[in-house]
PDB file of N, CA and C in Angstrom:
ATOM      1  N   UNK A   1       0.766  -1.196  -0.029  1.00  0.00           N
ATOM      2  CA  UNK A   1      -0.143  -0.019   0.091  1.00  0.00           C
ATOM      3  C   UNK A   1       0.829   1.209   0.067  1.00  0.00           C
ATOM      4  N   UNK A   2       1.877   1.279   0.778  1.00  0.00           N
ATOM      5  CA  UNK A   2       2.782   2.330   0.845  1.00  0.00           C
ATOM      6  C   UNK A   2       3.594   2.503  -0.598  1.00  0.00           C
ATOM      7  N   UNK A   3       3.865   1.528  -1.218  1.00  0.00           N
ATOM      8  CA  UNK A   3       4.511   1.611  -2.583  1.00  0.00           C
ATOM      9  C   UNK A   3       3.540   2.330  -3.517  1.00  0.00           C
ATOM     10  N   UNK A   4       2.286   1.951  -3.432  1.00  0.00           N
ATOM     11  CA  UNK A   4       1.180   2.523  -4.391  1.00  0.00           C
ATOM     12  C   UNK A   4       1.284   3.978  -4.146  1.00  0.00           C
ATOM     13  N   UNK A   5       1.404   4.588  -2.979  1.00  0.00           N
ATOM     14  CA  UNK A   5       1.346   5.977  -2.798  1.00  0.00           C
ATOM     15  C   UNK A   5       2.764   6.701  -2.936  1.00  0.00           C
ATOM     16  N   UNK A   6       3.803   5.948  -2.547  1.00  0.00           N
ATOM     17  CA  UNK A   6       5.101   6.564  -2.592  1.00  0.00           C
ATOM     18  C   UNK A   6       6.047   6.231  -3.693  1.00  0.00           C
ATOM     19  N   UNK A   7       5.695   5.018  -4.499  1.00  0.00           N
ATOM     20  CA  UNK A   7       6.620   4.502  -5.341  1.00  0.00           C
ATOM     21  C   UNK A   7       7.481   3.366  -4.696  1.00  0.00           C
ATOM     22  N   UNK A   8       8.146   2.648  -5.735  1.00  0.00           N
ATOM     23  CA  UNK A   8       8.846   1.431  -5.023  1.00  0.00           C
ATOM     24  C   UNK A   8       9.963   1.842  -4.192  1.00  0.00           C
ATOM     25  N   UNK A   9      10.196   1.023  -3.290  1.00  0.00           N
ATOM     26  CA  UNK A   9      11.455   1.186  -2.383  1.00  0.00           C
ATOM     27  C   UNK A   9      12.064  -0.249  -2.111  1.00  0.00           C
ATOM     28  N   UNK A  10      13.169  -0.165  -1.560  1.00  0.00           N
ATOM     29  CA  UNK A  10      14.100  -1.441  -1.211  1.00  0.00           C
ATOM     30  C   UNK A  10      13.570  -2.081  -0.054  1.00  0.00           C
ATOM     31  N   UNK A  11      13.245  -3.476  -0.173  1.00  0.00           N
ATOM     32  CA  UNK A  11      12.909  -4.237   0.965  1.00  0.00           C
ATOM     33  C   UNK A  11      14.017  -5.029   1.403  1.00  0.00           C
ATOM     34  N   UNK A  12      14.321  -5.089   2.696  1.00  0.00           N
ATOM     35  CA  UNK A  12      15.540  -5.955   3.202  1.00  0.00           C
ATOM     36  C   UNK A  12      14.801  -7.024   4.007  1.00  0.00           C
ATOM     37  N   UNK A  13      15.051  -8.346   3.615  1.00  0.00           N
ATOM     38  CA  UNK A  13      14.576  -9.486   4.288  1.00  0.00           C
ATOM     39  C   UNK A  13      15.377  -9.610   5.482  1.00  0.00           C
ATOM     40  N   UNK A  14      14.803 -10.037   6.688  1.00  0.00           N
ATOM     41  CA  UNK A  14      15.616 -10.301   7.787  1.00  0.00           C
ATOM     42  C   UNK A  14      15.126 -11.535   8.335  1.00  0.00           C
ATOM     43  N   UNK A  15      16.215 -12.427   8.834  1.00  0.00           N
ATOM     44  CA  UNK A  15      15.920 -13.658   9.413  1.00  0.00           C
ATOM     45  C   UNK A  15      15.616 -13.378  10.871  1.00  0.00           C
ATOM     46  N   UNK A  16      14.189 -13.259  11.361  1.00  0.00           N
ATOM     47  CA  UNK A  16      13.819 -12.705  12.547  1.00  0.00           C
ATOM     48  C   UNK A  16      14.272 -13.568  13.748  1.00  0.00           C
ATOM     49  N   UNK A  17      14.279 -14.836  13.458  1.00  0.00           N
ATOM     50  CA  UNK A  17      14.498 -15.607  14.854  1.00  0.00           C
ATOM     51  C   UNK A  17      16.172 -15.441  14.940  1.00  0.00           C
ATOM     52  N   UNK A  18      16.871 -15.459  13.956  1.00  0.00           N
ATOM     53  CA  UNK A  18      18.340 -15.202  14.069  1.00  0.00           C
ATOM     54  C   UNK A  18      18.523 -13.832  14.786  1.00  0.00           C
ATOM     55  N   UNK A  19      17.962 -12.782  14.350  1.00  0.00           N
ATOM     56  CA  UNK A  19      18.075 -11.508  14.985  1.00  0.00           C
ATOM     57  C   UNK A  19      17.676 -11.531  16.399  1.00  0.00           C
ATOM     58  N   UNK A  20      16.508 -12.083  16.813  1.00  0.00           N
ATOM     59  CA  UNK A  20      16.193 -12.138  18.052  1.00  0.00           C
ATOM     60  C   UNK A  20      17.129 -12.913  18.935  1.00  0.00           C
ATOM     61  N   UNK A  21      17.720 -13.998  18.522  1.00  0.00           N
ATOM     62  CA  UNK A  21      18.506 -14.878  19.221  1.00  0.00           C
ATOM     63  C   UNK A  21      19.850 -14.262  19.438  1.00  0.00           C
ATOM     64  N   UNK A  22      20.419 -13.492  18.398  1.00  0.00           N
ATOM     65  CA  UNK A  22      21.737 -12.673  18.433  1.00  0.00           C
ATOM     66  C   UNK A  22      21.510 -11.667  19.503  1.00  0.00           C
ATOM     67  N   UNK A  23      20.448 -10.865  19.507  1.00  0.00           N
ATOM     68  CA  UNK A  23      20.324  -9.814  20.386  1.00  0.00           C
ATOM     69  C   UNK A  23      20.062 -10.240  21.724  1.00  0.00           C
ATOM     70  N   UNK A  24      19.427 -11.380  21.970  1.00  0.00           N
ATOM     71  CA  UNK A  24      19.045 -11.966  23.311  1.00  0.00           C
ATOM     72  C   UNK A  24      20.545 -12.483  23.843  1.00  0.00           C
ATOM     73  N   UNK A  25      21.328 -13.123  23.051  1.00  0.00           N
ATOM     74  CA  UNK A  25      22.618 -13.537  23.486  1.00  0.00           C
ATOM     75  C   UNK A  25      23.550 -12.380  23.854  1.00  0.00           C
ATOM     76  N   UNK A  26      23.550 -11.391  23.115  1.00  0.00           N
ATOM     77  CA  UNK A  26      24.286 -10.240  23.387  1.00  0.00           C
ATOM     78  C   UNK A  26      23.805  -9.496  24.790  1.00  0.00           C
ATOM     79  N   UNK A  27      22.509  -9.441  25.034  1.00  0.00           N
ATOM     80  CA  UNK A  27      22.034  -8.786  26.292  1.00  0.00           C
ATOM     81  C   UNK A  27      22.335  -9.945  27.547  1.00  0.00           C
ATOM     82  N   UNK A  28      22.404 -11.073  27.331  1.00  0.00           N
ATOM     83  CA  UNK A  28      22.727 -12.210  28.246  1.00  0.00           C
ATOM     84  C   UNK A  28      24.224 -11.961  28.638  1.00  0.00           C
ATOM     85  N   UNK A  29      25.107 -11.569  27.724  1.00  0.00           N
ATOM     86  CA  UNK A  29      26.586 -11.537  28.005  1.00  0.00           C
ATOM     87  C   UNK A  29      26.755 -10.054  28.553  1.00  0.00           C
ATOM     88  N   UNK A  30      25.953  -9.247  28.779  1.00  0.00           N
ATOM     89  CA  UNK A  30      26.043  -7.955  29.287  1.00  0.00           C
ATOM     90  C   UNK A  30      26.120  -6.910  28.280  1.00  0.00           C
ATOM     91  N   UNK A  31      26.016  -7.174  27.003  1.00  0.00           N
ATOM     92  CA  UNK A  31      26.075  -6.179  25.928  1.00  0.00           C
ATOM     93  C   UNK A  31      24.679  -5.488  25.877  1.00  0.00           C
ATOM     94  N   UNK A  32      24.486  -4.478  26.747  1.00  0.00           N
ATOM     95  CA  UNK A  32      23.195  -3.883  26.629  1.00  0.00           C
ATOM     96  C   UNK A  32      23.383  -2.433  25.889  1.00  0.00           C
ATOM     97  N   UNK A  33      23.175  -2.862  24.522  1.00  0.00           N
ATOM     98  CA  UNK A  33      23.428  -1.793  23.445  1.00  0.00           C
ATOM     99  C   UNK A  33      22.240  -1.379  22.907  1.00  0.00           C
ATOM    100  N   UNK A  34      22.191  -0.257  22.207  1.00  0.00           N
ATOM    101  CA  UNK A  34      21.006   0.243  21.547  1.00  0.00           C
ATOM    102  C   UNK A  34      20.664  -0.721  20.469  1.00  0.00           C
ATOM    103  N   UNK A  35      21.617  -1.328  19.692  1.00  0.00           N
ATOM    104  CA  UNK A  35      21.428  -2.286  18.698  1.00  0.00           C
ATOM    105  C   UNK A  35      20.702  -3.527  19.238  1.00  0.00           C
ATOM    106  N   UNK A  36      21.127  -4.089  20.290  1.00  0.00           N
ATOM    107  CA  UNK A  36      20.485  -5.283  20.731  1.00  0.00           C
ATOM    108  C   UNK A  36      18.962  -4.980  21.238  1.00  0.00           C
ATOM    109  N   UNK A  37      18.712  -3.919  21.900  1.00  0.00           N
ATOM    110  CA  UNK A  37      17.436  -3.551  22.499  1.00  0.00           C
ATOM    111  C   UNK A  37      16.502  -3.263  21.402  1.00  0.00           C
ATOM    112  N   UNK A  38      17.034  -2.500  20.333  1.00  0.00           N
ATOM    113  CA  UNK A  38      16.172  -2.161  19.201  1.00  0.00           C
ATOM    114  C   UNK A  38      15.848  -3.482  18.419  1.00  0.00           C
ATOM    115  N   UNK A  39      16.718  -4.376  18.311  1.00  0.00           N
ATOM    116  CA  UNK A  39      16.622  -5.692  17.498  1.00  0.00           C
ATOM    117  C   UNK A  39      15.584  -6.411  18.262  1.00  0.00           C
ATOM    118  N   UNK A  40      15.449  -6.512  19.601  1.00  0.00           N
ATOM    119  CA  UNK A  40      14.360  -7.210  20.183  1.00  0.00           C
ATOM    120  C   UNK A  40      12.985  -6.437  19.984  1.00  0.00           C
ATOM    121  N   UNK A  41      12.951  -5.110  20.023  1.00  0.00           N
ATOM    122  CA  UNK A  41      11.799  -4.334  19.809  1.00  0.00           C
ATOM    123  C   UNK A  41      11.336  -4.756  18.536  1.00  0.00           C
ATOM    124  N   UNK A  42      12.181  -4.584  17.440  1.00  0.00           N
ATOM    125  CA  UNK A  42      11.704  -4.875  16.044  1.00  0.00           C
ATOM    126  C   UNK A  42      11.079  -6.373  15.854  1.00  0.00           C
ATOM    127  N   UNK A  43      11.866  -7.156  16.534  1.00  0.00           N
ATOM    128  CA  UNK A  43      11.277  -8.649  16.359  1.00  0.00           C
ATOM    129  C   UNK A  43       9.959  -8.737  16.971  1.00  0.00           C
ATOM    130  N   UNK A  44       9.771  -8.180  18.128  1.00  0.00           N
ATOM    131  CA  UNK A  44       8.489  -8.362  19.017  1.00  0.00           C
ATOM    132  C   UNK A  44       7.386  -7.579  18.180  1.00  0.00           C
ATOM    133  N   UNK A  45       7.636  -6.415  17.649  1.00  0.00           N
ATOM    134  CA  UNK A  45       6.655  -5.775  16.986  1.00  0.00           C
ATOM    135  C   UNK A  45       6.196  -6.142  15.648  1.00  0.00           C
ATOM    136  N   UNK A  46       7.340  -6.443  14.728  1.00  0.00           N
ATOM    137  CA  UNK A  46       7.066  -6.752  13.422  1.00  0.00           C
ATOM    138  C   UNK A  46       7.255  -8.147  12.895  1.00  0.00           C
ATOM    139  N   UNK A  47       7.972  -9.027  13.477  1.00  0.00           N
ATOM    140  CA  UNK A  47       8.339 -10.123  12.816  1.00  0.00           C
ATOM    141  C   UNK A  47       8.150 -11.537  13.331  1.00  0.00           C
ATOM    142  N   UNK A  48       7.772 -11.616  14.530  1.00  0.00           N
ATOM    143  CA  UNK A  48       7.582 -13.038  15.068  1.00  0.00           C
ATOM    144  C   UNK A  48       6.210 -13.330  15.149  1.00  0.00           C
ATOM    145  N   UNK A  49       5.782 -14.646  15.166  1.00  0.00           N
ATOM    146  CA  UNK A  49       4.476 -15.132  15.353  1.00  0.00           C
ATOM    147  C   UNK A  49       3.894 -14.552  16.593  1.00  0.00           C
ATOM    148  N   UNK A  50       2.732 -14.040  16.546  1.00  0.00           N
ATOM    149  CA  UNK A  50       2.079 -13.449  17.747  1.00  0.00           C
ATOM    150  C   UNK A  50       2.695 -12.033  17.978  1.00  0.00           C
ATOM    151  N   UNK A  51       3.343 -11.409  17.028  1.00  0.00           N
ATOM    152  CA  UNK A  51       3.920 -10.021  17.206  1.00  0.00           C
ATOM    153  C   UNK A  51       2.721  -9.075  17.277  1.00  0.00           C
ATOM    154  N   UNK A  52       2.776  -7.946  17.501  1.00  0.00           N
ATOM    155  CA  UNK A  52       1.838  -6.871  17.603  1.00  0.00           C
ATOM    156  C   UNK A  52       1.271  -6.494  16.184  1.00  0.00           C
ATOM    157  N   UNK A  53       2.288  -6.838  15.144  1.00  0.00           N
ATOM    158  CA  UNK A  53       1.809  -6.514  13.841  1.00  0.00           C
ATOM    159  C   UNK A  53       0.882  -7.513  13.230  1.00  0.00           C
ATOM    160  N   UNK A  54       0.586  -8.708  13.966  1.00  0.00           N
ATOM    161  CA  UNK A  54      -0.254  -9.719  13.345  1.00  0.00           C
ATOM    162  C   UNK A  54      -1.590  -9.625  14.008  1.00  0.00           C
ATOM    163  N   UNK A  55      -2.625  -9.373  13.419  1.00  0.00           N
ATOM    164  CA  UNK A  55      -3.952  -9.225  13.869  1.00  0.00           C
ATOM    165  C   UNK A  55      -4.905  -9.795  12.741  1.00  0.00           C
ATOM    166  N   UNK A  56      -6.106 -10.156  13.158  1.00  0.00           N
ATOM    167  CA  UNK A  56      -7.026 -10.725  12.236  1.00  0.00           C
ATOM    168  C   UNK A  56      -7.840  -9.574  11.545  1.00  0.00           C
ATOM    169  N   UNK A  57      -8.250  -9.705  10.354  1.00  0.00           N
ATOM    170  CA  UNK A  57      -9.126  -8.872   9.743  1.00  0.00           C
ATOM    171  C   UNK A  57     -10.245  -8.401  10.551  1.00  0.00           C
ATOM    172  N   UNK A  58     -10.858  -9.242  11.240  1.00  0.00           N
ATOM    173  CA  UNK A  58     -11.983  -8.957  12.165  1.00  0.00           C
ATOM    174  C   UNK A  58     -11.532  -8.542  13.631  1.00  0.00           C
ATOM    175  N   UNK A  59     -11.011  -7.323  13.586  1.00  0.00           N
ATOM    176  CA  UNK A  59     -10.508  -6.864  14.846  1.00  0.00           C
ATOM    177  C   UNK A  59     -11.594  -6.582  15.856  1.00  0.00           C
ATOM    178  N   UNK A  60     -11.219  -5.909  16.903  1.00  0.00           N
ATOM    179  CA  UNK A  60     -12.062  -5.620  18.068  1.00  0.00           C
ATOM    180  C   UNK A  60     -12.726  -4.234  18.000  1.00  0.00           C
ATOM    181  N   UNK A  61     -12.584  -3.521  16.880  1.00  0.00           N
ATOM    182  CA  UNK A  61     -13.194  -2.223  16.780  1.00  0.00           C
ATOM    183  C   UNK A  61     -14.633  -2.156  17.133  1.00  0.00           C
ATOM    184  N   UNK A  62     -15.418  -3.018  16.688  1.00  0.00           N
ATOM    185  CA  UNK A  62     -16.996  -2.947  17.059  1.00  0.00           C
ATOM    186  C   UNK A  62     -17.093  -3.164  18.525  1.00  0.00           C
ATOM    187  N   UNK A  63     -16.437  -4.127  19.046  1.00  0.00           N
ATOM    188  CA  UNK A  63     -16.484  -4.501  20.446  1.00  0.00           C
ATOM    189  C   UNK A  63     -16.203  -3.330  21.390  1.00  0.00           C
ATOM    190  N   UNK A  64     -15.144  -2.363  20.862  1.00  0.00           N
ATOM    191  CA  UNK A  64     -14.804  -1.216  21.603  1.00  0.00           C
ATOM    192  C   UNK A  64     -15.579   0.016  21.208  1.00  0.00           C
ATOM    193  N   UNK A  65     -16.573  -0.095  20.398  1.00  0.00           N
ATOM    194  CA  UNK A  65     -17.316   0.924  19.988  1.00  0.00           C
ATOM    195  C   UNK A  65     -16.751   1.923  19.023  1.00  0.00           C
ATOM    196  N   UNK A  66     -15.620   1.491  18.259  1.00  0.00           N
ATOM    197  CA  UNK A  66     -14.947   2.290  17.250  1.00  0.00           C
ATOM    198  C   UNK A  66     -15.305   1.865  15.822  1.00  0.00           C
ATOM    199  N   UNK A  67     -15.391   2.792  15.163  1.00  0.00           N
ATOM    200  CA  UNK A  67     -15.672   2.514  13.649  1.00  0.00           C
ATOM    201  C   UNK A  67     -14.610   1.890  12.928  1.00  0.00           C
ATOM    202  N   UNK A  68     -15.006   0.920  12.155  1.00  0.00           N
ATOM    203  CA  UNK A  68     -13.995   0.168  11.241  1.00  0.00           C
ATOM    204  C   UNK A  68     -13.426   1.174  10.408  1.00  0.00           C
ATOM    205  N   UNK A  69     -12.136   1.157  10.121  1.00  0.00           N
ATOM    206  CA  UNK A  69     -11.493   2.060   9.189  1.00  0.00           C
ATOM    207  C   UNK A  69     -10.743   1.502   8.009  1.00  0.00           C
ATOM    208  N   UNK A  70     -10.596   2.107   6.873  1.00  0.00           N
ATOM    209  CA  UNK A  70      -9.921   1.604   5.846  1.00  0.00           C
ATOM    210  C   UNK A  70      -8.417   1.901   5.847  1.00  0.00           C
ATOM    211  N   UNK A  71      -7.691   0.848   5.872  1.00  0.00           N
ATOM    212  CA  UNK A  71      -6.208   1.144   5.936  1.00  0.00           C
ATOM    213  C   UNK A  71      -5.590   1.926   4.867  1.00  0.00           C
ATOM    214  N   UNK A  72      -6.103   1.787   3.573  1.00  0.00           N
ATOM    215  CA  UNK A  72      -5.604   2.609   2.592  1.00  0.00           C
ATOM    216  C   UNK A  72      -6.025   4.143   2.746  1.00  0.00           C
ATOM    217  N   UNK A  73      -7.142   4.407   3.138  1.00  0.00           N
ATOM    218  CA  UNK A  73      -7.616   5.699   3.529  1.00  0.00           C
ATOM    219  C   UNK A  73      -6.532   6.254   4.724  1.00  0.00           C
ATOM    220  N   UNK A  74      -6.402   5.551   5.642  1.00  0.00           N
ATOM    221  CA  UNK A  74      -5.658   6.012   6.778  1.00  0.00           C
ATOM    222  C   UNK A  74      -4.269   6.312   6.421  1.00  0.00           C
ATOM    223  N   UNK A  75      -3.740   5.588   5.443  1.00  0.00           N
ATOM    224  CA  UNK A  75      -2.234   5.758   5.064  1.00  0.00           C
ATOM    225  C   UNK A  75      -2.291   7.034   4.174  1.00  0.00           C
ATOM    226  N   UNK A  76      -3.205   7.229   3.413  1.00  0.00           N
ATOM    227  CA  UNK A  76      -3.217   8.522   2.774  1.00  0.00           C
ATOM    228  C   UNK A  76      -3.447   9.660   3.461  1.00  0.00           C
ATOM    229  N   UNK A  77      -4.152   9.592   4.536  1.00  0.00           N
ATOM    230  CA  UNK A  77      -4.218  10.766   5.590  1.00  0.00           C
ATOM    231  C   UNK A  77      -2.892  11.000   6.271  1.00  0.00           C
ATOM    232  N   UNK A  78      -2.261  10.012   6.596  1.00  0.00           N
ATOM    233  CA  UNK A  78      -0.996  10.262   7.376  1.00  0.00           C
ATOM    234  C   UNK A  78       0.020  10.868   6.329  1.00  0.00           C
ATOM    235  N   UNK A  79       0.087  10.301   5.072  1.00  0.00           N
ATOM    236  CA  UNK A  79       1.017  10.711   4.239  1.00  0.00           C
ATOM    237  C   UNK A  79       0.729  12.199   3.701  1.00  0.00           C
ATOM    238  N   UNK A  80      -0.523  12.537   3.747  1.00  0.00           N
ATOM    239  CA  UNK A  80      -0.870  13.849   3.402  1.00  0.00           C
ATOM    240  C   UNK A  80      -0.290  14.948   4.407  1.00  0.00           C
ATOM    241  N   UNK A  81      -0.017  14.510   5.723  1.00  0.00           N
ATOM    242  CA  UNK A  81       0.545  15.386   6.786  1.00  0.00           C
ATOM    243  C   UNK A  81       2.030  15.529   6.601  1.00  0.00           C
ATOM    244  N   UNK A  82       2.800  14.724   5.761  1.00  0.00           N
ATOM    245  CA  UNK A  82       4.135  14.780   5.668  1.00  0.00           C
ATOM    246  C   UNK A  82       4.713  15.903   4.745  1.00  0.00           C
TER     247      UNK A  82
END
């Protein structure tokens, strides 16, 4: 959807499990670095099964009393503010 609005961009594939394991091992060895912490945040947010980026099409909007929104329309609104 973003490419449709902004044009093509480069995508970098990441081995998520490896990234998480490497960052966890680093932290376990006392390497409390920005890179290790950021790697774990990335994997938890975007890449692993059960991450916060994985949710069903039928979300809890109605249960919460919120209107269902169109993702494409929301992306266009955000991009218009940049």
